[in-house]
Amino acid sequence: MLGAFKSASTMPTFLPAGNHSFHRNPATVELTSEGVDSPITRLLDDPGKNTERWRRLTYLADYQDAGSPKPGAVVLADLNAGHRKLPLLVTQNYGHGRSAILATGGTHAHLTSLGLEATAVKKVLEGRPHIVDAMKNGEVQIVFNTTEGRQSLEDSFSLRRAALMMKIPYYTTTAGALAAAQAIGAVAEGTLEVRSLQSYG
């Protein structure tokens, strides 16, 4: 059952219970009013042409019910499946961006003490399922892992190896993590600008 997966808590929808969420009847795609204005759905610059482009997408013959949107989630595109309309593309803000944080032990305790939302995950030595399992399952898109001392370095070996093998961006310093987070925020807000190195002199 989809709803039984641990990662379901980070999804913007309440996943359907049971084993009958797959459908085989044809369905077309249509942007919602929020989707028309969202940069996430921007295939073409012209809003009218972009909306029409989504309508003309090849119909879906096999698809899975995404469930019902959670409070605060925004449906950007719907599936028109006969007499039913199902959400197809749903987004939700987490904190200041569209991301969910997985954190181990002390980091999780620190983040939650600051009032930030974070999901606890085990270190490799603490047993399964652990952070490397989450990385291999596609639940992690970026890693911030600062180390101090020999034991900390040894503990993070499997984490670094998994990041390398899975091609997941990996930052080992606080300064690097901050720069990456600021860059992600700038891209999300559309304020990222390219400047030459000389302009910073």
C-alpha atoms as a PDB file:
ATOM      1  CA  MET A   1       0.000   0.000   0.000  1.00  0.00           C
ATOM      2  CA  LEU A   2       1.375   3.407  -0.955  1.00  0.00           C
ATOM      3  CA  GLY A   3       0.263   5.096   2.237  1.00  0.00           C
ATOM      4  CA  ALA A   4       2.359   2.665   4.292  1.00  0.00           C
ATOM      5  CA  PHE A   5       5.706   3.953   3.003  1.00  0.00           C
ATOM      6  CA  LYS A   6       7.717   6.126   5.414  1.00  0.00           C
ATOM      7  CA  SER A   7       8.305   8.723   2.688  1.00  0.00           C
ATOM      8  CA  ALA A   8       4.530   9.209   2.363  1.00  0.00           C
ATOM      9  CA  SER A   9       4.730  11.796   5.152  1.00  0.00           C
ATOM     10  CA  THR A  10       6.772  14.080   2.883  1.00  0.00           C
ATOM     11  CA  MET A  11       4.351  13.850  -0.050  1.00  0.00           C
ATOM     12  CA  PRO A  12       1.957  16.756  -0.779  1.00  0.00           C
ATOM     13  CA  THR A  13      -1.011  14.353  -0.969  1.00  0.00           C
ATOM     14  CA  PHE A  14      -2.672  11.771   1.232  1.00  0.00           C
ATOM     15  CA  LEU A  15      -1.847   8.633  -0.740  1.00  0.00           C
ATOM     16  CA  PRO A  16      -4.759   6.280  -1.389  1.00  0.00           C
ATOM     17  CA  ALA A  17      -5.056   3.189   0.787  1.00  0.00           C
ATOM     18  CA  GLY A  18      -5.391  -0.272  -0.695  1.00  0.00           C
ATOM     19  CA  ASN A  19      -3.949  -1.858  -3.805  1.00  0.00           C
ATOM     20  CA  HIS A  20      -6.332  -0.509  -6.435  1.00  0.00           C
ATOM     21  CA  SER A  21      -4.847   2.901  -7.219  1.00  0.00           C
ATOM     22  CA  PHE A  22      -3.690   2.048 -10.766  1.00  0.00           C
ATOM     23  CA  HIS A  23      -5.992   2.901 -13.676  1.00  0.00           C
ATOM     24  CA  ARG A  24      -5.949   1.881 -17.339  1.00  0.00           C
ATOM     25  CA  ASN A  25      -8.622   4.115 -18.860  1.00  0.00           C
ATOM     26  CA  PRO A  26      -7.508   7.060 -21.077  1.00  0.00           C
ATOM     27  CA  ALA A  27      -7.093  10.424 -19.346  1.00  0.00           C
ATOM     28  CA  THR A  28      -6.134  13.872 -20.611  1.00  0.00           C
ATOM     29  CA  VAL A  29      -4.155  16.556 -18.788  1.00  0.00           C
ATOM     30  CA  GLU A  30      -5.364  20.075 -17.989  1.00  0.00           C
ATOM     31  CA  LEU A  31      -3.702  22.880 -16.024  1.00  0.00           C
ATOM     32  CA  THR A  32      -5.545  24.337 -13.058  1.00  0.00           C
ATOM     33  CA  SER A  33      -5.761  28.116 -12.573  1.00  0.00           C
ATOM     34  CA  GLU A  34      -2.753  27.863 -10.229  1.00  0.00           C
ATOM     35  CA  GLY A  35      -0.905  25.781 -12.790  1.00  0.00           C
ATOM     36  CA  VAL A  36      -1.414  28.397 -15.498  1.00  0.00           C
ATOM     37  CA  ASP A  37       0.508  30.939 -13.408  1.00  0.00           C
ATOM     38  CA  SER A  38       3.173  28.568 -12.052  1.00  0.00           C
ATOM     39  CA  PRO A  39       6.748  28.547 -13.433  1.00  0.00           C
ATOM     40  CA  ILE A  40       6.863  24.824 -12.674  1.00  0.00           C
ATOM     41  CA  THR A  41       4.476  24.070 -15.554  1.00  0.00           C
ATOM     42  CA  ARG A  42       6.050  26.509 -18.008  1.00  0.00           C
ATOM     43  CA  LEU A  43       6.684  24.638 -21.266  1.00  0.00           C
ATOM     44  CA  LEU A  44       6.160  27.737 -23.423  1.00  0.00           C
ATOM     45  CA  ASP A  45       6.546  31.423 -22.540  1.00  0.00           C
ATOM     46  CA  ASP A  46       3.108  32.472 -23.770  1.00  0.00           C
ATOM     47  CA  PRO A  47       0.505  31.541 -21.069  1.00  0.00           C
ATOM     48  CA  GLY A  48      -2.252  30.803 -23.582  1.00  0.00           C
ATOM     49  CA  LYS A  49      -0.051  28.643 -25.795  1.00  0.00           C
ATOM     50  CA  ASN A  50       1.379  26.937 -22.733  1.00  0.00           C
ATOM     51  CA  THR A  51      -2.094  26.000 -21.470  1.00  0.00           C
ATOM     52  CA  GLU A  52      -3.014  24.650 -24.898  1.00  0.00           C
ATOM     53  CA  ARG A  53       0.264  22.686 -25.052  1.00  0.00           C
ATOM     54  CA  TRP A  54      -0.668  20.900 -21.833  1.00  0.00           C
ATOM     55  CA  ARG A  55      -4.135  20.100 -23.227  1.00  0.00           C
ATOM     56  CA  ARG A  56      -2.544  18.544 -26.315  1.00  0.00           C
ATOM     57  CA  LEU A  57      -0.221  16.236 -24.389  1.00  0.00           C
ATOM     58  CA  THR A  58      -0.600  12.588 -25.360  1.00  0.00           C
ATOM     59  CA  TYR A  59      -3.331  11.059 -23.238  1.00  0.00           C
ATOM     60  CA  LEU A  60      -2.334   8.772 -20.396  1.00  0.00           C
ATOM     61  CA  ALA A  61      -3.504   5.167 -20.609  1.00  0.00           C
ATOM     62  CA  ASP A  62      -1.821   3.835 -17.458  1.00  0.00           C
ATOM     63  CA  TYR A  63      -1.550   5.993 -14.369  1.00  0.00           C
ATOM     64  CA  GLN A  64      -1.740   5.912 -10.597  1.00  0.00           C
ATOM     65  CA  ASP A  65      -4.081   7.881  -8.377  1.00  0.00           C
ATOM     66  CA  ALA A  66      -1.999  10.523  -6.555  1.00  0.00           C
ATOM     67  CA  GLY A  67      -4.531  10.781  -3.718  1.00  0.00           C
ATOM     68  CA  SER A  68      -6.095  13.880  -2.202  1.00  0.00           C
ATOM     69  CA  PRO A  69      -4.073  17.101  -1.654  1.00  0.00           C
ATOM     70  CA  LYS A  70      -2.956  17.878   1.894  1.00  0.00           C
ATOM     71  CA  PRO A  71      -3.866  21.235   3.479  1.00  0.00           C
ATOM     72  CA  GLY A  72      -1.640  23.897   1.951  1.00  0.00           C
ATOM     73  CA  ALA A  73      -0.819  21.827  -1.136  1.00  0.00           C
ATOM     74  CA  VAL A  74      -1.531  23.289  -4.584  1.00  0.00           C
ATOM     75  CA  VAL A  75      -2.764  21.259  -7.560  1.00  0.00           C
ATOM     76  CA  LEU A  76      -1.083  22.504 -10.743  1.00  0.00           C
ATOM     77  CA  ALA A  77      -2.509  19.980 -13.205  1.00  0.00           C
ATOM     78  CA  ASP A  78      -5.479  17.607 -13.246  1.00  0.00           C
ATOM     79  CA  LEU A  79      -6.233  14.372 -15.032  1.00  0.00           C
ATOM     80  CA  ASN A  80      -9.605  14.277 -16.796  1.00  0.00           C
ATOM     81  CA  ALA A  81     -10.462  10.589 -16.507  1.00  0.00           C
ATOM     82  CA  GLY A  82     -13.964  10.170 -17.870  1.00  0.00           C
ATOM     83  CA  HIS A  83     -16.394  11.504 -15.260  1.00  0.00           C
ATOM     84  CA  ARG A  84     -13.616  11.916 -12.686  1.00  0.00           C
ATOM     85  CA  LYS A  85     -10.980  14.607 -12.205  1.00  0.00           C
ATOM     86  CA  LEU A  86      -7.811  13.482 -10.397  1.00  0.00           C
ATOM     87  CA  PRO A  87      -4.821  15.583  -9.296  1.00  0.00           C
ATOM     88  CA  LEU A  88      -1.771  14.873 -11.446  1.00  0.00           C
ATOM     89  CA  LEU A  89       0.827  17.477 -10.442  1.00  0.00           C
ATOM     90  CA  VAL A  90       0.755  18.693  -6.831  1.00  0.00           C
ATOM     91  CA  THR A  91       3.258  20.887  -4.998  1.00  0.00           C
ATOM     92  CA  GLN A  92       3.615  22.013  -1.405  1.00  0.00           C
ATOM     93  CA  ASN A  93       5.940  24.451   0.335  1.00  0.00           C
ATOM     94  CA  TYR A  94       8.108  23.091   3.144  1.00  0.00           C
ATOM     95  CA  GLY A  95       9.642  25.890   5.190  1.00  0.00           C
ATOM     96  CA  HIS A  96      11.059  28.458   2.759  1.00  0.00           C
ATOM     97  CA  GLY A  97      11.263  26.139  -0.238  1.00  0.00           C
ATOM     98  CA  ARG A  98       9.944  22.939  -1.749  1.00  0.00           C
ATOM     99  CA  SER A  99      12.047  20.511   0.253  1.00  0.00           C
ATOM    100  CA  ALA A 100      11.763  18.074   3.131  1.00  0.00           C
ATOM    101  CA  ILE A 101      14.664  17.620   5.540  1.00  0.00           C
ATOM    102  CA  LEU A 102      15.966  14.225   6.688  1.00  0.00           C
ATOM    103  CA  ALA A 103      18.352  14.542   9.625  1.00  0.00           C
ATOM    104  CA  THR A 104      20.208  12.165  11.932  1.00  0.00           C
ATOM    105  CA  GLY A 105      20.406  12.269  15.745  1.00  0.00           C
ATOM    106  CA  GLY A 106      21.797  15.546  17.043  1.00  0.00           C
ATOM    107  CA  THR A 107      21.082  17.479  13.849  1.00  0.00           C
ATOM    108  CA  HIS A 108      17.415  16.476  13.998  1.00  0.00           C
ATOM    109  CA  ALA A 109      17.181  17.512  17.661  1.00  0.00           C
ATOM    110  CA  HIS A 110      18.812  20.878  16.914  1.00  0.00           C
ATOM    111  CA  LEU A 111      16.579  21.644  13.924  1.00  0.00           C
ATOM    112  CA  THR A 112      13.369  20.763  15.758  1.00  0.00           C
ATOM    113  CA  SER A 113      14.468  22.860  18.756  1.00  0.00           C
ATOM    114  CA  LEU A 114      14.578  25.817  16.358  1.00  0.00           C
ATOM    115  CA  GLY A 115      11.028  25.102  15.230  1.00  0.00           C
ATOM    116  CA  LEU A 116      12.071  23.697  11.836  1.00  0.00           C
ATOM    117  CA  GLU A 117      10.342  20.654  10.368  1.00  0.00           C
ATOM    118  CA  ALA A 118      12.647  17.662   9.936  1.00  0.00           C
ATOM    119  CA  THR A 119      12.221  13.903   9.699  1.00  0.00           C
ATOM    120  CA  ALA A 120      14.546  11.773  11.816  1.00  0.00           C
ATOM    121  CA  VAL A 121      16.579   9.101  10.025  1.00  0.00           C
ATOM    122  CA  LYS A 122      19.074   6.610  11.436  1.00  0.00           C
ATOM    123  CA  LYS A 123      22.801   6.688  10.894  1.00  0.00           C
ATOM    124  CA  VAL A 124      24.184   3.558   9.214  1.00  0.00           C
ATOM    125  CA  LEU A 125      25.555   2.183  12.495  1.00  0.00           C
ATOM    126  CA  GLU A 126      22.146   2.593  14.171  1.00  0.00           C
ATOM    127  CA  GLY A 127      20.472  -0.074  12.035  1.00  0.00           C
ATOM    128  CA  ARG A 128      18.074  -0.130   9.103  1.00  0.00           C
ATOM    129  CA  PRO A 129      16.329   1.636   7.511  1.00  0.00           C
ATOM    130  CA  HIS A 130      19.094   4.258   7.615  1.00  0.00           C
ATOM    131  CA  ILE A 131      20.213   7.315   5.651  1.00  0.00           C
ATOM    132  CA  VAL A 132      22.047   5.325   2.964  1.00  0.00           C
ATOM    133  CA  ASP A 133      18.881   3.278   2.365  1.00  0.00           C
ATOM    134  CA  ALA A 134      16.978   6.546   1.890  1.00  0.00           C
ATOM    135  CA  MET A 135      19.610   7.705  -0.613  1.00  0.00           C
ATOM    136  CA  LYS A 136      19.405   4.464  -2.598  1.00  0.00           C
ATOM    137  CA  ASN A 137      15.603   4.684  -2.579  1.00  0.00           C
ATOM    138  CA  GLY A 138      15.726   8.095  -4.263  1.00  0.00           C
ATOM    139  CA  GLU A 139      14.471   9.978  -1.184  1.00  0.00           C
ATOM    140  CA  VAL A 140      17.546  12.233  -0.955  1.00  0.00           C
ATOM    141  CA  GLN A 141      18.502  14.832  -3.585  1.00  0.00           C
ATOM    142  CA  ILE A 142      21.283  16.696  -1.754  1.00  0.00           C
ATOM    143  CA  VAL A 143      23.505  15.900   1.254  1.00  0.00           C
ATOM    144  CA  PHE A 144      24.988  18.274   3.830  1.00  0.00           C
ATOM    145  CA  ASN A 145      27.374  16.335   6.074  1.00  0.00           C
ATOM    146  CA  THR A 146      29.979  18.117   8.159  1.00  0.00           C
ATOM    147  CA  THR A 147      32.436  15.959  10.095  1.00  0.00           C
ATOM    148  CA  GLU A 148      34.730  16.553  13.062  1.00  0.00           C
ATOM    149  CA  GLY A 149      37.169  13.962  14.383  1.00  0.00           C
ATOM    150  CA  ARG A 150      38.312  10.538  13.215  1.00  0.00           C
ATOM    151  CA  GLN A 151      35.198   8.621  14.325  1.00  0.00           C
ATOM    152  CA  SER A 152      32.906  11.062  12.546  1.00  0.00           C
ATOM    153  CA  LEU A 153      34.903  10.655   9.332  1.00  0.00           C
ATOM    154  CA  GLU A 154      34.755   6.868   9.561  1.00  0.00           C
ATOM    155  CA  ASP A 155      31.015   6.942  10.244  1.00  0.00           C
ATOM    156  CA  SER A 156      30.398   9.036   7.122  1.00  0.00           C
ATOM    157  CA  PHE A 157      32.350   6.782   4.734  1.00  0.00           C
ATOM    158  CA  SER A 158      29.308   4.835   3.490  1.00  0.00           C
ATOM    159  CA  LEU A 159      27.390   8.106   3.195  1.00  0.00           C
ATOM    160  CA  ARG A 160      30.067   9.649   0.955  1.00  0.00           C
ATOM    161  CA  ARG A 161      30.322   6.481  -1.122  1.00  0.00           C
ATOM    162  CA  ALA A 162      26.555   6.307  -1.648  1.00  0.00           C
ATOM    163  CA  ALA A 163      26.468   9.981  -2.668  1.00  0.00           C
ATOM    164  CA  LEU A 164      29.236   9.335  -5.212  1.00  0.00           C
ATOM    165  CA  MET A 165      27.629   6.194  -6.638  1.00  0.00           C
ATOM    166  CA  MET A 166      24.133   7.743  -6.771  1.00  0.00           C
ATOM    167  CA  LYS A 167      25.475  11.060  -8.149  1.00  0.00           C
ATOM    168  CA  ILE A 168      23.919  13.039  -5.299  1.00  0.00           C
ATOM    169  CA  PRO A 169      25.419  16.510  -4.608  1.00  0.00           C
ATOM    170  CA  TYR A 170      27.420  16.335  -1.363  1.00  0.00           C
ATOM    171  CA  TYR A 171      28.664  19.230   0.783  1.00  0.00           C
ATOM    172  CA  THR A 172      31.098  18.768   3.678  1.00  0.00           C
ATOM    173  CA  THR A 173      31.415  22.314   5.065  1.00  0.00           C
ATOM    174  CA  THR A 174      28.931  24.705   6.638  1.00  0.00           C
ATOM    175  CA  ALA A 175      29.988  27.433   4.207  1.00  0.00           C
ATOM    176  CA  GLY A 176      29.395  25.152   1.229  1.00  0.00           C
ATOM    177  CA  ALA A 177      26.010  24.054   2.550  1.00  0.00           C
ATOM    178  CA  LEU A 178      24.949  27.668   3.097  1.00  0.00           C
ATOM    179  CA  ALA A 179      26.049  28.683  -0.405  1.00  0.00           C
ATOM    180  CA  ALA A 180      24.159  25.755  -1.938  1.00  0.00           C
ATOM    181  CA  ALA A 181      20.997  26.534   0.041  1.00  0.00           C
ATOM    182  CA  GLN A 182      21.142  30.202  -0.955  1.00  0.00           C
ATOM    183  CA  ALA A 183      21.614  29.236  -4.608  1.00  0.00           C
ATOM    184  CA  ILE A 184      18.621  26.874  -4.480  1.00  0.00           C
ATOM    185  CA  GLY A 185      16.530  29.661  -2.937  1.00  0.00           C
ATOM    186  CA  ALA A 186      17.643  32.115  -5.627  1.00  0.00           C
ATOM    187  CA  VAL A 187      16.715  29.680  -8.407  1.00  0.00           C
ATOM    188  CA  ALA A 188      13.302  29.052  -6.811  1.00  0.00           C
ATOM    189  CA  GLU A 189      12.640  32.802  -6.599  1.00  0.00           C
ATOM    190  CA  GLY A 190      13.977  33.452 -10.107  1.00  0.00           C
ATOM    191  CA  THR A 191      16.586  35.906  -8.794  1.00  0.00           C
ATOM    192  CA  LEU A 192      19.763  33.990  -9.681  1.00  0.00           C
ATOM    193  CA  GLU A 193      22.146  36.083 -11.787  1.00  0.00           C
ATOM    194  CA  VAL A 194      25.385  35.155 -13.508  1.00  0.00           C
ATOM    195  CA  ARG A 195      28.376  37.428 -12.818  1.00  0.00           C
ATOM    196  CA  SER A 196      32.036  37.206 -13.727  1.00  0.00           C
ATOM    197  CA  LEU A 197      34.577  36.457 -11.012  1.00  0.00           C
ATOM    198  CA  GLN A 198      36.213  39.837 -11.702  1.00  0.00           C
ATOM    199  CA  SER A 199      33.028  41.644 -10.658  1.00  0.00           C
ATOM    200  CA  TYR A 200      33.526  40.416  -7.096  1.00  0.00           C
ATOM    201  CA  GLY A 201      36.996  42.037  -6.807  1.00  0.00           C
END
